[in-house]
Amino acid sequence: MDLGLQGKRALVCASSKGLGLGCAEALAAEGVDLVMNARGPDALEAQADRLRADYGVEVQTVACDVTTPEGQAQVIEAAQGVDILVTNAGGPPPGLWSDWDREDFIKALDANMLTPIAFMKALLPSMMDKGWGRVVNITSQSVRAPIAVLGLSNAARTGLTGYVAGTARQVAPYGVTINNLLPGIHATDRADSLDAGVSAQKGISLDEARAERAATIPARRYGTRQEFGATCAFLCSQHAGFIVGQNILLDGGATNLTM
């Protein structure tokens, strides 16, 4: 299937590894030029070099922390005129409801709500002027079914979801779509971190912790960054222009919902 993305240009945040990298790979495979961002310059440059070599696309890198005003300004300057925006940020730490203070919530909101909003505000106008654009926000399955130990993430990502629900309907008449991808457990560093916590808490091996979690997923496995990226690329494609303001679960059936 031709996704109609050849020659488009995309900003993909947090794209040196994990789900962000999966999205960058899938878009590059369709001929999309990239602006890639991550905090660590070494891993970022290594992946950018690989995508240039593998797919022949142009890749610009911006190594910075996008939760800071300075980092946002750097990325926005590099990404002027992009056709596609993929927002992404690692989730805040797990804990109990009683663990978190105001500063913890502010950090979570900055990373998982306010930063994506800042990028949309900066980059949507040029998409609207061109009459075509795609925004995909990587959020979490927790916006559909909260995860008790991830209260910071539940709160911040649900706030972003509410913002997108209204904004998506306002920009759709201009040929611009905004949708959210809601990952469950994928084989990424985030999953390794969560599994390590379970391993330490229960006194079991990391492999046992992974097997225990996988057994709770109807698909009986973790997702891969490649299949996640392929879904992102489809949402960015010429075939997805009638998908507006949706929250699409990629969780192997783990979230037990009728609708």
Protein backbone atom coordinates (compact mmCIF):
# COMPACT_ATOMS: atom_id res chain seq x y z
CA MET A 1 0.00 0.00 0.00
CA ASP A 2 1.33 3.39 -0.99
CA LEU A 3 0.93 5.65 2.04
CA GLY A 4 1.49 8.78 -0.05
CA LEU A 5 4.20 10.13 2.23
CA GLN A 6 7.15 10.37 -0.14
CA GLY A 7 8.78 13.77 0.27
CA LYS A 8 6.90 14.71 3.43
CA ARG A 9 8.83 15.94 6.47
CA ALA A 10 8.23 14.88 10.07
CA LEU A 11 9.30 15.80 13.57
CA VAL A 12 9.50 12.71 15.78
CA CYS A 13 10.21 13.38 19.43
CA ALA A 14 12.15 11.02 21.72
CA SER A 15 13.12 9.00 18.67
CA SER A 16 16.55 7.58 19.50
CA LYS A 17 15.00 4.39 20.92
CA GLY A 18 11.76 2.67 21.76
CA LEU A 19 8.41 3.61 20.28
CA GLY A 20 9.66 6.94 18.96
CA LEU A 21 12.37 5.16 17.02
CA GLY A 22 9.80 2.71 15.67
CA CYS A 23 7.79 5.64 14.31
CA ALA A 24 10.86 7.29 12.82
CA GLU A 25 11.87 4.03 11.11
CA ALA A 26 8.42 3.45 9.63
CA LEU A 27 8.16 7.01 8.32
CA ALA A 28 11.67 6.92 6.87
CA ALA A 29 10.79 3.67 5.07
CA GLU A 30 7.99 5.62 3.33
CA GLY A 31 10.39 8.32 2.15
CA VAL A 32 9.71 10.88 4.89
CA ASP A 33 12.54 13.27 5.80
CA LEU A 34 12.99 13.55 9.55
CA VAL A 35 13.75 15.90 12.38
CA MET A 36 14.72 13.57 15.21
CA ASN A 37 14.95 14.64 18.83
CA ALA A 38 16.25 13.00 22.00
CA ARG A 39 18.23 14.03 25.03
CA GLY A 40 21.26 11.78 24.42
CA PRO A 41 23.28 12.93 21.39
CA ASP A 42 25.26 9.72 20.87
CA ALA A 43 22.32 7.37 20.48
CA LEU A 44 20.43 9.98 18.48
CA GLU A 45 23.24 10.47 15.95
CA ALA A 46 23.78 6.73 15.64
CA GLN A 47 20.15 6.11 14.75
CA ALA A 48 20.02 9.11 12.41
CA ASP A 49 23.05 7.80 10.51
CA ARG A 50 21.42 4.38 10.21
CA LEU A 51 18.16 5.78 8.83
CA ARG A 52 20.02 7.96 6.33
CA ALA A 53 21.96 4.92 5.13
CA ASP A 54 19.00 2.51 5.09
CA TYR A 55 16.37 4.75 3.49
CA GLY A 56 18.17 7.62 1.79
CA VAL A 57 16.16 10.27 3.63
CA GLU A 58 17.37 13.55 5.08
CA VAL A 59 17.63 13.49 8.86
CA GLN A 60 18.22 16.52 11.07
CA THR A 61 18.96 15.90 14.74
CA VAL A 62 18.28 18.10 17.76
CA ALA A 63 19.67 16.77 21.04
CA CYS A 64 17.95 18.54 23.92
CA ASP A 65 15.40 18.22 26.70
CA VAL A 66 12.07 19.29 25.19
CA THR A 67 10.47 19.74 28.60
CA THR A 68 12.48 22.96 28.96
CA PRO A 69 11.63 26.21 27.15
CA GLU A 70 15.12 26.26 25.63
CA GLY A 71 14.78 22.73 24.28
CA GLN A 72 11.34 23.41 22.85
CA ALA A 73 12.62 26.51 21.09
CA GLN A 74 15.47 24.55 19.48
CA VAL A 75 13.20 21.81 18.20
CA ILE A 76 10.49 24.18 16.97
CA GLU A 77 13.05 26.19 15.02
CA ALA A 78 14.39 23.04 13.35
CA ALA A 79 10.90 21.72 12.62
CA GLN A 80 9.36 24.76 10.94
CA GLY A 81 7.18 23.69 8.03
CA VAL A 82 6.94 19.98 8.90
CA ASP A 83 3.98 18.05 7.55
CA ILE A 84 3.91 15.52 10.39
CA LEU A 85 4.36 15.83 14.15
CA VAL A 86 4.83 12.79 16.40
CA THR A 87 4.96 13.75 20.07
CA ASN A 88 6.45 11.38 22.60
CA ALA A 89 7.98 11.49 26.06
CA GLY A 90 8.92 8.92 28.65
CA GLY A 91 6.44 8.42 31.43
CA PRO A 92 6.92 9.72 34.96
CA PRO A 93 7.97 7.31 37.72
CA PRO A 94 5.47 4.89 39.30
CA GLY A 95 4.40 5.12 42.90
CA LEU A 96 1.46 5.41 45.28
CA TRP A 97 -1.04 8.26 45.40
CA SER A 98 0.51 9.45 48.64
CA ASP A 99 4.03 9.69 47.20
CA TRP A 100 3.56 12.71 44.95
CA ASP A 101 3.68 16.40 45.70
CA ARG A 102 2.87 19.44 43.56
CA GLU A 103 6.34 19.49 42.00
CA ASP A 104 5.97 15.88 40.85
CA PHE A 105 2.71 16.72 39.09
CA ILE A 106 4.21 19.81 37.49
CA LYS A 107 7.05 17.72 36.03
CA ALA A 108 4.60 15.14 34.71
CA LEU A 109 2.39 17.82 33.17
CA ASP A 110 5.38 19.54 31.57
CA ALA A 111 6.61 16.31 29.95
CA ASN A 112 3.39 14.54 29.02
CA MET A 113 0.86 17.32 28.47
CA LEU A 114 2.28 20.83 28.12
CA THR A 115 5.22 19.94 25.84
CA PRO A 116 3.04 18.21 23.20
CA ILE A 117 0.62 21.14 23.38
CA ALA A 118 3.48 23.60 22.83
CA PHE A 119 4.58 21.70 19.71
CA MET A 120 1.05 21.58 18.33
CA LYS A 121 0.53 25.30 18.89
CA ALA A 122 3.81 26.06 17.12
CA LEU A 123 3.49 23.70 14.15
CA LEU A 124 -0.22 23.34 13.39
CA PRO A 125 -0.60 26.78 11.74
CA SER A 126 1.75 25.94 8.84
CA MET A 127 -0.01 22.59 8.31
CA MET A 128 -3.34 24.39 8.19
CA ASP A 129 -1.97 26.91 5.70
CA LYS A 130 -0.87 24.04 3.43
CA GLY A 131 -4.18 22.23 3.80
CA TRP A 132 -2.55 19.00 4.95
CA GLY A 133 -0.97 17.76 8.15
CA ARG A 134 -0.82 14.89 10.59
CA VAL A 135 -0.25 14.86 14.36
CA VAL A 136 0.15 11.64 16.30
CA ASN A 137 0.58 11.80 20.07
CA ILE A 138 2.02 8.75 21.82
CA THR A 139 0.14 8.55 25.10
CA SER A 140 -0.74 5.39 27.05
CA GLN A 141 -3.39 2.73 27.53
CA SER A 142 -3.85 4.33 30.96
CA VAL A 143 -6.01 7.10 29.49
CA ARG A 144 -8.66 4.44 28.79
CA ALA A 145 -8.16 2.38 31.93
CA PRO A 146 -6.04 3.94 34.71
CA ILE A 147 -3.06 2.06 36.08
CA ALA A 148 -2.97 2.56 39.84
CA VAL A 149 0.79 2.90 40.25
CA LEU A 150 1.04 5.32 37.31
CA GLY A 151 -1.08 8.12 38.74
CA LEU A 152 1.21 10.86 37.45
CA SER A 153 1.00 9.47 33.93
CA ASN A 154 -2.76 8.86 34.21
CA ALA A 155 -3.33 12.50 35.11
CA ALA A 156 -1.01 14.20 32.62
CA ARG A 157 -1.80 12.04 29.60
CA THR A 158 -5.55 12.23 30.20
CA GLY A 159 -5.22 16.01 30.26
CA LEU A 160 -3.52 15.90 26.87
CA THR A 161 -6.28 13.63 25.57
CA GLY A 162 -8.91 16.17 26.56
CA TYR A 163 -7.02 18.96 24.81
CA VAL A 164 -6.69 16.90 21.64
CA ALA A 165 -10.38 15.97 21.64
CA GLY A 166 -11.37 19.59 21.14
CA THR A 167 -8.44 20.75 19.06
CA ALA A 168 -8.70 17.91 16.53
CA ARG A 169 -12.19 19.00 15.56
CA GLN A 170 -11.08 22.59 15.08
CA VAL A 171 -8.22 21.83 12.67
CA ALA A 172 -9.88 18.99 10.73
CA PRO A 173 -11.57 21.39 8.23
CA TYR A 174 -8.05 22.42 7.13
CA GLY A 175 -7.00 18.90 6.17
CA VAL A 176 -5.09 18.34 9.43
CA THR A 177 -5.75 15.32 11.63
CA ILE A 178 -4.74 14.77 15.25
CA ASN A 179 -4.95 11.33 16.83
CA ASN A 180 -3.44 9.51 19.78
CA LEU A 181 -1.74 6.13 19.93
CA LEU A 182 -2.17 4.36 23.26
CA PRO A 183 0.54 1.74 23.78
CA GLY A 184 0.33 -1.08 26.22
CA ILE A 185 3.47 -2.97 27.14
CA HIS A 186 6.03 -3.02 24.34
CA ALA A 187 9.56 -4.41 24.33
CA THR A 188 11.25 -1.11 25.22
CA ASP A 189 13.45 0.33 27.97
CA ARG A 190 10.28 1.48 29.76
CA ALA A 191 9.07 -2.11 30.00
CA ASP A 192 12.50 -3.21 31.22
CA SER A 193 12.34 -0.59 33.96
CA LEU A 194 8.87 -1.64 35.08
CA ASP A 195 9.81 -5.31 35.00
CA ALA A 196 12.97 -4.63 36.98
CA GLY A 197 10.83 -3.03 39.66
CA VAL A 198 8.58 -6.09 39.83
CA SER A 199 11.65 -8.33 39.90
CA ALA A 200 13.11 -6.47 42.86
CA GLN A 201 9.80 -6.23 44.70
CA LYS A 202 8.92 -9.91 44.36
CA GLY A 203 12.42 -11.36 44.49
CA ILE A 204 12.07 -13.06 41.11
CA SER A 205 14.25 -12.97 38.00
CA LEU A 206 13.74 -10.40 35.25
CA ASP A 207 12.66 -13.15 32.86
CA GLU A 208 10.11 -14.37 35.39
CA ALA A 209 8.78 -10.85 35.80
CA ARG A 210 8.42 -10.50 32.03
CA ALA A 211 6.68 -13.86 31.72
CA GLU A 212 4.31 -12.90 34.52
CA ARG A 213 3.36 -9.65 32.80
CA ALA A 214 3.06 -11.26 29.36
CA ALA A 215 0.62 -13.79 30.81
CA THR A 216 -1.77 -10.91 31.59
CA ILE A 217 -1.88 -9.87 27.91
CA PRO A 218 -4.32 -11.79 25.70
CA ALA A 219 -1.74 -11.81 22.88
CA ARG A 220 0.67 -13.40 25.41
CA ARG A 221 3.57 -11.22 24.34
CA TYR A 222 4.90 -7.68 24.38
CA GLY A 223 4.38 -5.45 21.37
CA THR A 224 7.27 -4.46 19.11
CA ARG A 225 8.39 -1.02 18.07
CA GLN A 226 8.07 -2.07 14.43
CA GLU A 227 4.34 -2.81 14.59
CA PHE A 228 3.77 0.33 16.63
CA GLY A 229 5.65 2.38 14.04
CA ALA A 230 3.64 0.86 11.21
CA THR A 231 0.41 2.00 12.87
CA CYS A 232 1.82 5.48 13.33
CA ALA A 233 2.81 5.63 9.65
CA PHE A 234 -0.70 4.61 8.60
CA LEU A 235 -2.24 7.37 10.74
CA CYS A 236 0.09 9.81 8.97
CA SER A 237 -0.85 8.50 5.52
CA GLN A 238 -3.11 9.70 2.75
CA HIS A 239 -5.56 6.94 3.74
CA ALA A 240 -6.20 8.24 7.26
CA GLY A 241 -7.66 11.66 6.54
CA PHE A 242 -11.08 10.69 7.94
CA ILE A 243 -9.67 9.51 11.29
CA VAL A 244 -10.00 12.51 13.59
CA GLY A 245 -9.51 12.82 17.36
CA GLN A 246 -9.30 9.09 18.00
CA ASN A 247 -7.52 7.14 20.73
CA ILE A 248 -6.18 3.91 19.27
CA LEU A 249 -5.08 1.14 21.63
CA LEU A 250 -2.09 -1.01 20.76
CA ASP A 251 -2.00 -3.27 23.79
CA GLY A 252 -2.49 -6.85 22.66
CA GLY A 253 -5.98 -6.82 24.15
CA ALA A 254 -4.78 -6.04 27.67
CA THR A 255 -7.29 -3.23 28.28
CA ASN A 256 -10.57 -5.01 28.98
CA LEU A 257 -13.14 -2.75 27.28
CA THR A 258 -16.23 -3.28 25.16
CA MET A 259 -15.74 -0.01 23.25
